[in-house]
Amino acid sequence: MVELVQSFASENIALNTPATFDTTIPCPYGHVYHQNGTGTTVLRGIPKCPCDNIARYSVTLNGNIAIPTGGAVTPIAMAITVSGEARQSSKAIFTPAAVDEFGNITSTTSVDVPKGCCFIVSAEYVDATTADAATTPTPVITLTNGSIIIDQTR
């Protein structure tokens, strides 16, 4: 299991940009790699059982998000991305009543990495208003107490 944590008070994240994590509890086997201060993590395709063709990881995002002062009040969301593509099933949406109102989000997804390959995962601020073309997403959100937990399950 690997845990990525934000030890700083909060971070402002632009739309379609990953959150950064500066504290890592590393994988003792080298299957998951994260460099502190970055927003991406590499999952390696090294299955637990040598006869398997995939390595399966459970990736969980948790944190508190809000719209900072000066932003427009709209639904906001974060999602787990795999190799740059947001997993729509992992999108966690929060609709605040006002700016600087925090709400907790949690999302989990499974990531299958073929044997011998590597995938990059991150947690990004994504558009929560894509169904409504008349609503423009706020350009920046604030994330506090952010964490990602990665557990190899297969």
N, C-alpha and C. Protein backbone atom coordinates (compact mmCIF):
# COMPACT_ATOMS: atom_id res chain seq x y z
N MET A 1 0.84 -1.18 0.00
CA MET A 1 0.00 0.00 0.00
C MET A 1 0.88 1.24 0.00
N VAL A 2 0.47 2.24 -0.76
CA VAL A 2 1.17 3.51 -0.84
C VAL A 2 0.19 4.60 -0.47
N GLU A 3 0.65 5.58 0.30
CA GLU A 3 -0.20 6.71 0.64
C GLU A 3 0.51 8.00 0.27
N LEU A 4 -0.17 8.86 -0.49
CA LEU A 4 0.33 10.17 -0.87
C LEU A 4 -0.48 11.19 -0.09
N VAL A 5 0.19 12.15 0.55
CA VAL A 5 -0.49 13.09 1.44
C VAL A 5 -0.02 14.50 1.15
N GLN A 6 -0.92 15.46 1.33
CA GLN A 6 -0.56 16.88 1.30
C GLN A 6 -0.29 17.31 2.74
N SER A 7 0.95 17.71 3.02
CA SER A 7 1.26 18.15 4.38
C SER A 7 1.08 19.66 4.52
N PHE A 8 0.91 20.38 3.40
CA PHE A 8 0.71 21.82 3.47
C PHE A 8 -0.77 22.11 3.71
N ALA A 9 -1.08 23.35 4.12
CA ALA A 9 -2.44 23.70 4.53
C ALA A 9 -3.47 23.51 3.42
N SER A 10 -3.19 24.03 2.23
CA SER A 10 -4.12 23.89 1.12
C SER A 10 -3.39 24.17 -0.19
N GLU A 11 -4.05 23.82 -1.29
CA GLU A 11 -3.47 24.03 -2.62
C GLU A 11 -4.57 24.50 -3.56
N ASN A 12 -4.28 25.54 -4.32
CA ASN A 12 -5.19 25.96 -5.38
C ASN A 12 -4.83 25.19 -6.63
N ILE A 13 -5.85 24.59 -7.28
CA ILE A 13 -5.64 23.73 -8.43
C ILE A 13 -6.44 24.28 -9.61
N ALA A 14 -5.75 24.50 -10.73
CA ALA A 14 -6.41 24.97 -11.94
C ALA A 14 -7.15 23.82 -12.62
N LEU A 15 -8.13 24.15 -13.44
CA LEU A 15 -8.91 23.17 -14.17
C LEU A 15 -8.00 22.28 -15.00
N ASN A 16 -8.25 20.98 -14.96
CA ASN A 16 -7.49 19.96 -15.70
C ASN A 16 -6.01 19.89 -15.29
N THR A 17 -5.74 20.19 -14.04
CA THR A 17 -4.39 20.14 -13.50
C THR A 17 -4.39 19.20 -12.29
N PRO A 18 -3.34 18.36 -12.15
CA PRO A 18 -3.32 17.45 -11.01
C PRO A 18 -2.95 18.13 -9.70
N ALA A 19 -3.46 17.58 -8.61
CA ALA A 19 -3.06 18.01 -7.27
C ALA A 19 -1.67 17.48 -6.99
N THR A 20 -0.89 18.21 -6.22
CA THR A 20 0.45 17.74 -5.86
C THR A 20 0.44 17.17 -4.45
N PHE A 21 1.32 16.20 -4.25
CA PHE A 21 1.44 15.54 -2.95
C PHE A 21 2.90 15.55 -2.56
N ASP A 22 3.18 15.96 -1.33
CA ASP A 22 4.58 16.15 -0.92
C ASP A 22 5.07 15.16 0.13
N THR A 23 4.23 14.26 0.55
CA THR A 23 4.64 13.25 1.52
C THR A 23 4.18 11.89 1.01
N THR A 24 5.09 10.93 0.98
CA THR A 24 4.77 9.61 0.44
C THR A 24 5.18 8.53 1.42
N ILE A 25 4.28 7.59 1.65
CA ILE A 25 4.65 6.34 2.32
C ILE A 25 4.87 5.37 1.16
N PRO A 26 6.13 5.04 0.84
CA PRO A 26 6.44 4.35 -0.42
C PRO A 26 6.10 2.86 -0.43
N CYS A 27 6.06 2.33 -1.65
CA CYS A 27 5.87 0.89 -1.86
C CYS A 27 7.21 0.20 -1.61
N PRO A 28 7.26 -0.81 -0.75
CA PRO A 28 8.54 -1.46 -0.46
C PRO A 28 9.06 -2.33 -1.61
N TYR A 29 8.21 -2.60 -2.61
CA TYR A 29 8.61 -3.49 -3.70
C TYR A 29 8.92 -2.75 -5.00
N GLY A 30 8.69 -1.45 -5.05
CA GLY A 30 8.95 -0.68 -6.26
C GLY A 30 7.88 -0.79 -7.32
N HIS A 31 6.69 -1.26 -6.95
CA HIS A 31 5.60 -1.38 -7.93
C HIS A 31 4.90 -0.06 -8.18
N VAL A 32 4.99 0.86 -7.21
CA VAL A 32 4.36 2.19 -7.31
C VAL A 32 5.45 3.21 -7.02
N TYR A 33 5.55 4.23 -7.91
CA TYR A 33 6.59 5.24 -7.72
C TYR A 33 5.98 6.63 -7.77
N HIS A 34 6.31 7.44 -6.77
CA HIS A 34 5.88 8.84 -6.72
C HIS A 34 7.04 9.70 -6.24
N GLN A 35 7.29 10.78 -6.94
CA GLN A 35 8.31 11.75 -6.51
C GLN A 35 7.60 12.85 -5.74
N ASN A 36 8.02 13.09 -4.49
CA ASN A 36 7.38 14.11 -3.67
C ASN A 36 7.39 15.46 -4.37
N GLY A 37 6.27 16.19 -4.21
CA GLY A 37 6.15 17.51 -4.83
C GLY A 37 5.57 17.47 -6.23
N THR A 38 5.19 16.28 -6.70
CA THR A 38 4.59 16.17 -8.03
C THR A 38 3.15 15.68 -7.91
N GLY A 39 2.46 15.68 -9.04
CA GLY A 39 1.07 15.25 -9.04
C GLY A 39 0.83 13.92 -9.70
N THR A 40 1.89 13.28 -10.18
CA THR A 40 1.71 12.01 -10.89
C THR A 40 2.40 10.87 -10.15
N THR A 41 1.83 9.68 -10.34
CA THR A 41 2.36 8.47 -9.73
C THR A 41 2.39 7.38 -10.79
N VAL A 42 3.46 6.61 -10.84
CA VAL A 42 3.61 5.54 -11.82
C VAL A 42 3.22 4.21 -11.18
N LEU A 43 2.29 3.50 -11.86
CA LEU A 43 1.92 2.15 -11.46
C LEU A 43 2.59 1.20 -12.45
N ARG A 44 3.36 0.26 -11.93
CA ARG A 44 4.08 -0.69 -12.79
C ARG A 44 3.30 -1.99 -12.92
N GLY A 45 3.35 -2.56 -14.12
CA GLY A 45 2.66 -3.81 -14.41
C GLY A 45 3.42 -5.01 -13.93
N ILE A 46 3.53 -5.14 -12.61
CA ILE A 46 4.20 -6.29 -11.99
C ILE A 46 3.15 -7.00 -11.14
N PRO A 47 2.51 -8.04 -11.68
CA PRO A 47 1.46 -8.74 -10.92
C PRO A 47 2.01 -9.42 -9.68
N LYS A 48 1.12 -9.60 -8.70
CA LYS A 48 1.51 -10.32 -7.48
C LYS A 48 1.85 -11.77 -7.79
N CYS A 49 1.08 -12.37 -8.69
CA CYS A 49 1.32 -13.75 -9.11
C CYS A 49 1.97 -13.73 -10.48
N PRO A 50 3.13 -14.38 -10.66
CA PRO A 50 3.83 -14.33 -11.95
C PRO A 50 3.01 -14.87 -13.13
N CYS A 51 1.99 -15.69 -12.86
CA CYS A 51 1.19 -16.24 -13.96
C CYS A 51 0.09 -15.29 -14.42
N ASP A 52 -0.18 -14.20 -13.68
CA ASP A 52 -1.19 -13.21 -14.10
C ASP A 52 -0.64 -12.32 -15.21
N ASN A 53 -1.55 -11.82 -16.05
CA ASN A 53 -1.15 -10.92 -17.13
C ASN A 53 -1.38 -9.45 -16.81
N ILE A 54 -2.01 -9.17 -15.66
CA ILE A 54 -2.24 -7.78 -15.25
C ILE A 54 -1.92 -7.62 -13.77
N ALA A 55 -1.57 -6.39 -13.45
CA ALA A 55 -1.46 -5.98 -12.05
C ALA A 55 -2.66 -5.07 -11.80
N ARG A 56 -3.44 -5.34 -10.77
CA ARG A 56 -4.63 -4.54 -10.47
C ARG A 56 -4.35 -3.71 -9.23
N TYR A 57 -4.68 -2.42 -9.34
CA TYR A 57 -4.50 -1.48 -8.24
C TYR A 57 -5.84 -0.84 -7.90
N SER A 58 -6.09 -0.65 -6.63
CA SER A 58 -7.23 0.12 -6.16
C SER A 58 -6.69 1.51 -5.80
N VAL A 59 -7.24 2.55 -6.42
CA VAL A 59 -6.77 3.92 -6.20
C VAL A 59 -7.91 4.72 -5.57
N THR A 60 -7.66 5.30 -4.39
CA THR A 60 -8.68 6.06 -3.67
C THR A 60 -8.20 7.49 -3.45
N LEU A 61 -9.05 8.43 -3.82
CA LEU A 61 -8.81 9.86 -3.62
C LEU A 61 -9.71 10.35 -2.51
N ASN A 62 -9.16 11.17 -1.61
CA ASN A 62 -9.95 11.76 -0.54
C ASN A 62 -9.44 13.17 -0.29
N GLY A 63 -10.35 14.08 0.04
CA GLY A 63 -9.94 15.45 0.35
C GLY A 63 -11.15 16.34 0.53
N ASN A 64 -10.87 17.59 0.84
CA ASN A 64 -11.90 18.61 1.01
C ASN A 64 -11.68 19.67 -0.07
N ILE A 65 -12.74 20.00 -0.82
CA ILE A 65 -12.61 20.97 -1.90
C ILE A 65 -13.58 22.13 -1.70
N ALA A 66 -13.17 23.30 -2.24
CA ALA A 66 -14.00 24.50 -2.17
C ALA A 66 -13.62 25.42 -3.32
N ILE A 67 -14.48 26.39 -3.56
CA ILE A 67 -14.19 27.45 -4.52
C ILE A 67 -13.57 28.59 -3.73
N PRO A 68 -12.37 29.05 -4.12
CA PRO A 68 -11.74 30.14 -3.37
C PRO A 68 -12.45 31.48 -3.59
N THR A 69 -12.18 32.43 -2.72
CA THR A 69 -12.75 33.77 -2.82
C THR A 69 -12.49 34.34 -4.21
N GLY A 70 -13.54 34.90 -4.80
CA GLY A 70 -13.42 35.47 -6.14
C GLY A 70 -13.93 34.54 -7.24
N GLY A 71 -14.14 33.28 -6.91
CA GLY A 71 -14.63 32.32 -7.90
C GLY A 71 -16.14 32.34 -8.00
N ALA A 72 -16.65 31.80 -9.09
CA ALA A 72 -18.10 31.69 -9.28
C ALA A 72 -18.58 30.39 -8.66
N VAL A 73 -19.73 30.44 -8.01
CA VAL A 73 -20.28 29.25 -7.35
C VAL A 73 -20.92 28.35 -8.41
N THR A 74 -20.28 27.22 -8.67
CA THR A 74 -20.75 26.20 -9.60
C THR A 74 -20.39 24.85 -9.00
N PRO A 75 -20.95 23.76 -9.51
CA PRO A 75 -20.49 22.45 -9.04
C PRO A 75 -19.00 22.29 -9.37
N ILE A 76 -18.26 21.65 -8.46
CA ILE A 76 -16.83 21.40 -8.67
C ILE A 76 -16.56 19.91 -8.48
N ALA A 77 -15.50 19.42 -9.12
CA ALA A 77 -15.25 17.98 -9.07
C ALA A 77 -13.77 17.68 -9.21
N MET A 78 -13.40 16.54 -8.68
CA MET A 78 -12.08 15.97 -8.91
C MET A 78 -12.30 14.54 -9.38
N ALA A 79 -11.33 14.04 -10.15
CA ALA A 79 -11.42 12.67 -10.64
C ALA A 79 -10.02 12.07 -10.67
N ILE A 80 -9.99 10.76 -10.62
CA ILE A 80 -8.73 10.03 -10.77
C ILE A 80 -8.49 9.88 -12.27
N THR A 81 -7.30 10.28 -12.70
CA THR A 81 -6.96 10.16 -14.11
C THR A 81 -5.93 9.05 -14.29
N VAL A 82 -6.05 8.35 -15.42
CA VAL A 82 -5.13 7.28 -15.77
C VAL A 82 -4.53 7.62 -17.13
N SER A 83 -3.22 7.81 -17.15
CA SER A 83 -2.50 8.20 -18.36
C SER A 83 -3.15 9.41 -19.03
N GLY A 84 -3.55 10.39 -18.22
CA GLY A 84 -4.08 11.65 -18.72
C GLY A 84 -5.58 11.69 -18.97
N GLU A 85 -6.26 10.56 -18.88
CA GLU A 85 -7.71 10.50 -19.12
C GLU A 85 -8.45 10.35 -17.80
N ALA A 86 -9.40 11.24 -17.56
CA ALA A 86 -10.19 11.16 -16.33
C ALA A 86 -11.12 9.96 -16.39
N ARG A 87 -11.13 9.19 -15.32
CA ARG A 87 -12.09 8.08 -15.20
C ARG A 87 -13.41 8.71 -14.77
N GLN A 88 -14.38 8.74 -15.67
CA GLN A 88 -15.66 9.38 -15.37
C GLN A 88 -16.35 8.72 -14.18
N SER A 89 -16.14 7.43 -14.00
CA SER A 89 -16.76 6.74 -12.86
C SER A 89 -16.14 7.15 -11.54
N SER A 90 -14.98 7.82 -11.59
CA SER A 90 -14.32 8.24 -10.35
C SER A 90 -14.57 9.71 -10.04
N LYS A 91 -15.36 10.39 -10.85
CA LYS A 91 -15.61 11.83 -10.65
C LYS A 91 -16.40 12.04 -9.37
N ALA A 92 -15.85 12.83 -8.45
CA ALA A 92 -16.50 13.17 -7.19
C ALA A 92 -16.91 14.63 -7.26
N ILE A 93 -18.23 14.89 -7.22
CA ILE A 93 -18.77 16.23 -7.43
C ILE A 93 -19.30 16.78 -6.10
N PHE A 94 -19.00 18.07 -5.88
CA PHE A 94 -19.51 18.79 -4.71
C PHE A 94 -20.08 20.12 -5.21
N THR A 95 -21.26 20.48 -4.73
CA THR A 95 -21.88 21.76 -5.10
C THR A 95 -21.97 22.63 -3.84
N PRO A 96 -21.05 23.57 -3.70
CA PRO A 96 -21.09 24.44 -2.51
C PRO A 96 -22.19 25.50 -2.64
N ALA A 97 -22.66 26.00 -1.51
CA ALA A 97 -23.66 27.06 -1.49
C ALA A 97 -23.01 28.44 -1.63
N ALA A 98 -21.72 28.52 -1.30
CA ALA A 98 -20.99 29.80 -1.35
C ALA A 98 -19.50 29.51 -1.52
N VAL A 99 -18.74 30.56 -1.81
CA VAL A 99 -17.30 30.40 -1.91
C VAL A 99 -16.74 30.09 -0.52
N ASP A 100 -15.59 29.47 -0.48
CA ASP A 100 -14.90 29.08 0.75
C ASP A 100 -15.70 28.11 1.62
N GLU A 101 -16.66 27.43 1.04
CA GLU A 101 -17.41 26.39 1.76
C GLU A 101 -16.86 25.03 1.30
N PHE A 102 -16.24 24.30 2.23
CA PHE A 102 -15.59 23.04 1.89
C PHE A 102 -16.55 21.87 1.99
N GLY A 103 -16.33 20.91 1.11
CA GLY A 103 -17.07 19.66 1.14
C GLY A 103 -16.11 18.50 0.93
N ASN A 104 -16.38 17.37 1.57
CA ASN A 104 -15.50 16.22 1.46
C ASN A 104 -15.85 15.40 0.23
N ILE A 105 -14.81 14.97 -0.48
CA ILE A 105 -15.00 14.08 -1.63
C ILE A 105 -14.17 12.82 -1.42
N THR A 106 -14.69 11.71 -1.88
CA THR A 106 -13.98 10.44 -1.86
C THR A 106 -14.36 9.67 -3.11
N SER A 107 -13.36 9.07 -3.73
CA SER A 107 -13.62 8.30 -4.94
C SER A 107 -12.60 7.17 -5.04
N THR A 108 -13.05 6.02 -5.55
CA THR A 108 -12.17 4.87 -5.72
C THR A 108 -12.37 4.29 -7.11
N THR A 109 -11.28 3.87 -7.73
CA THR A 109 -11.37 3.19 -9.01
C THR A 109 -10.31 2.09 -9.06
N SER A 110 -10.55 1.10 -9.90
CA SER A 110 -9.56 0.04 -10.12
C SER A 110 -8.81 0.35 -11.40
N VAL A 111 -7.51 0.09 -11.38
CA VAL A 111 -6.67 0.32 -12.55
C VAL A 111 -5.93 -0.98 -12.86
N ASP A 112 -6.17 -1.51 -14.05
CA ASP A 112 -5.48 -2.72 -14.50
C ASP A 112 -4.30 -2.32 -15.38
N VAL A 113 -3.10 -2.74 -14.99
CA VAL A 113 -1.89 -2.42 -15.74
C VAL A 113 -1.37 -3.73 -16.35
N PRO A 114 -1.29 -3.80 -17.70
CA PRO A 114 -0.78 -5.02 -18.32
C PRO A 114 0.67 -5.32 -17.87
N LYS A 115 0.95 -6.58 -17.77
CA LYS A 115 2.28 -7.04 -17.36
C LYS A 115 3.35 -6.38 -18.24
N GLY A 116 4.35 -5.79 -17.60
CA GLY A 116 5.46 -5.16 -18.30
C GLY A 116 5.21 -3.71 -18.71
N CYS A 117 3.99 -3.19 -18.48
CA CYS A 117 3.67 -1.80 -18.85
C CYS A 117 3.66 -0.92 -17.61
N CYS A 118 3.53 0.39 -17.82
CA CYS A 118 3.39 1.35 -16.74
C CYS A 118 2.27 2.32 -17.09
N PHE A 119 1.45 2.66 -16.12
CA PHE A 119 0.41 3.68 -16.27
C PHE A 119 0.69 4.78 -15.26
N ILE A 120 0.30 6.00 -15.61
CA ILE A 120 0.47 7.14 -14.73
C ILE A 120 -0.90 7.54 -14.21
N VAL A 121 -1.02 7.68 -12.88
CA VAL A 121 -2.29 8.11 -12.28
C VAL A 121 -2.08 9.45 -11.57
N SER A 122 -3.16 10.22 -11.48
CA SER A 122 -3.15 11.48 -10.75
C SER A 122 -4.57 11.80 -10.31
N ALA A 123 -4.72 12.85 -9.52
CA ALA A 123 -6.02 13.34 -9.10
C ALA A 123 -6.14 14.76 -9.62
N GLU A 124 -7.09 15.00 -10.53
CA GLU A 124 -7.20 16.30 -11.19
C GLU A 124 -8.53 16.98 -10.88
N TYR A 125 -8.47 18.31 -10.93
CA TYR A 125 -9.70 19.12 -10.91
C TYR A 125 -10.28 19.03 -12.31
N VAL A 126 -11.50 18.51 -12.43
CA VAL A 126 -12.16 18.33 -13.73
C VAL A 126 -13.48 19.10 -13.76
N ASP A 127 -13.98 19.31 -14.95
CA ASP A 127 -15.22 20.04 -15.16
C ASP A 127 -16.40 19.22 -14.64
N ALA A 128 -17.15 19.79 -13.72
CA ALA A 128 -18.33 19.11 -13.17
C ALA A 128 -19.60 19.54 -13.88
N THR A 129 -19.49 20.48 -14.83
CA THR A 129 -20.67 21.08 -15.44
C THR A 129 -20.80 20.73 -16.92
N THR A 130 -20.19 19.65 -17.38
CA THR A 130 -20.19 19.33 -18.81
C THR A 130 -21.59 19.09 -19.37
N ALA A 131 -22.55 18.71 -18.56
CA ALA A 131 -23.91 18.48 -19.04
C ALA A 131 -24.64 19.79 -19.32
N ASP A 132 -24.17 20.89 -18.75
CA ASP A 132 -24.81 22.19 -18.92
C ASP A 132 -23.86 23.12 -19.65
N ALA A 133 -24.06 23.29 -20.95
CA ALA A 133 -23.16 24.11 -21.76
C ALA A 133 -23.20 25.58 -21.37
N ALA A 134 -24.27 26.02 -20.69
CA ALA A 134 -24.40 27.42 -20.30
C ALA A 134 -23.60 27.74 -19.05
N THR A 135 -23.13 26.74 -18.34
CA THR A 135 -22.38 26.96 -17.10
C THR A 135 -20.89 26.80 -17.36
N THR A 136 -20.13 27.82 -17.00
CA THR A 136 -18.69 27.77 -17.15
C THR A 136 -18.08 27.37 -15.82
N PRO A 137 -17.19 26.37 -15.81
CA PRO A 137 -16.59 25.97 -14.53
C PRO A 137 -15.68 27.06 -13.97
N THR A 138 -15.62 27.12 -12.65
CA THR A 138 -14.71 28.07 -12.01
C THR A 138 -13.28 27.66 -12.36
N PRO A 139 -12.38 28.62 -12.63
CA PRO A 139 -11.04 28.26 -13.12
C PRO A 139 -10.12 27.60 -12.08
N VAL A 140 -10.40 27.80 -10.79
CA VAL A 140 -9.51 27.28 -9.73
C VAL A 140 -10.36 26.78 -8.57
N ILE A 141 -9.91 25.67 -7.96
CA ILE A 141 -10.52 25.22 -6.70
C ILE A 141 -9.41 25.09 -5.66
N THR A 142 -9.82 24.97 -4.40
CA THR A 142 -8.88 24.76 -3.30
C THR A 142 -9.07 23.35 -2.77
N LEU A 143 -7.96 22.65 -2.58
CA LEU A 143 -7.96 21.31 -2.00
C LEU A 143 -7.21 21.35 -0.67
N THR A 144 -7.82 20.80 0.37
CA THR A 144 -7.15 20.67 1.67
C THR A 144 -7.24 19.22 2.12
N ASN A 145 -6.27 18.80 2.90
CA ASN A 145 -6.23 17.44 3.45
C ASN A 145 -6.35 16.38 2.37
N GLY A 146 -5.73 16.63 1.23
CA GLY A 146 -5.81 15.69 0.12
C GLY A 146 -4.93 14.46 0.36
N SER A 147 -5.43 13.31 -0.09
CA SER A 147 -4.63 12.10 -0.02
C SER A 147 -5.06 11.14 -1.11
N ILE A 148 -4.13 10.31 -1.52
CA ILE A 148 -4.39 9.20 -2.45
C ILE A 148 -3.82 7.95 -1.80
N ILE A 149 -4.62 6.90 -1.79
CA ILE A 149 -4.14 5.60 -1.29
C ILE A 149 -4.19 4.63 -2.46
N ILE A 150 -3.07 3.97 -2.69
CA ILE A 150 -2.95 3.00 -3.77
C ILE A 150 -2.62 1.65 -3.17
N ASP A 151 -3.45 0.66 -3.48
CA ASP A 151 -3.26 -0.67 -2.95
C ASP A 151 -3.27 -1.66 -4.10
N GLN A 152 -2.22 -2.48 -4.20
CA GLN A 152 -2.21 -3.49 -5.25
C GLN A 152 -3.04 -4.68 -4.78
N THR A 153 -4.07 -5.00 -5.56
CA THR A 153 -4.99 -6.06 -5.16
C THR A 153 -4.77 -7.33 -5.94
N ARG A 154 -4.03 -7.24 -7.05
CA ARG A 154 -3.77 -8.44 -7.87
C ARG A 154 -2.44 -8.31 -8.56
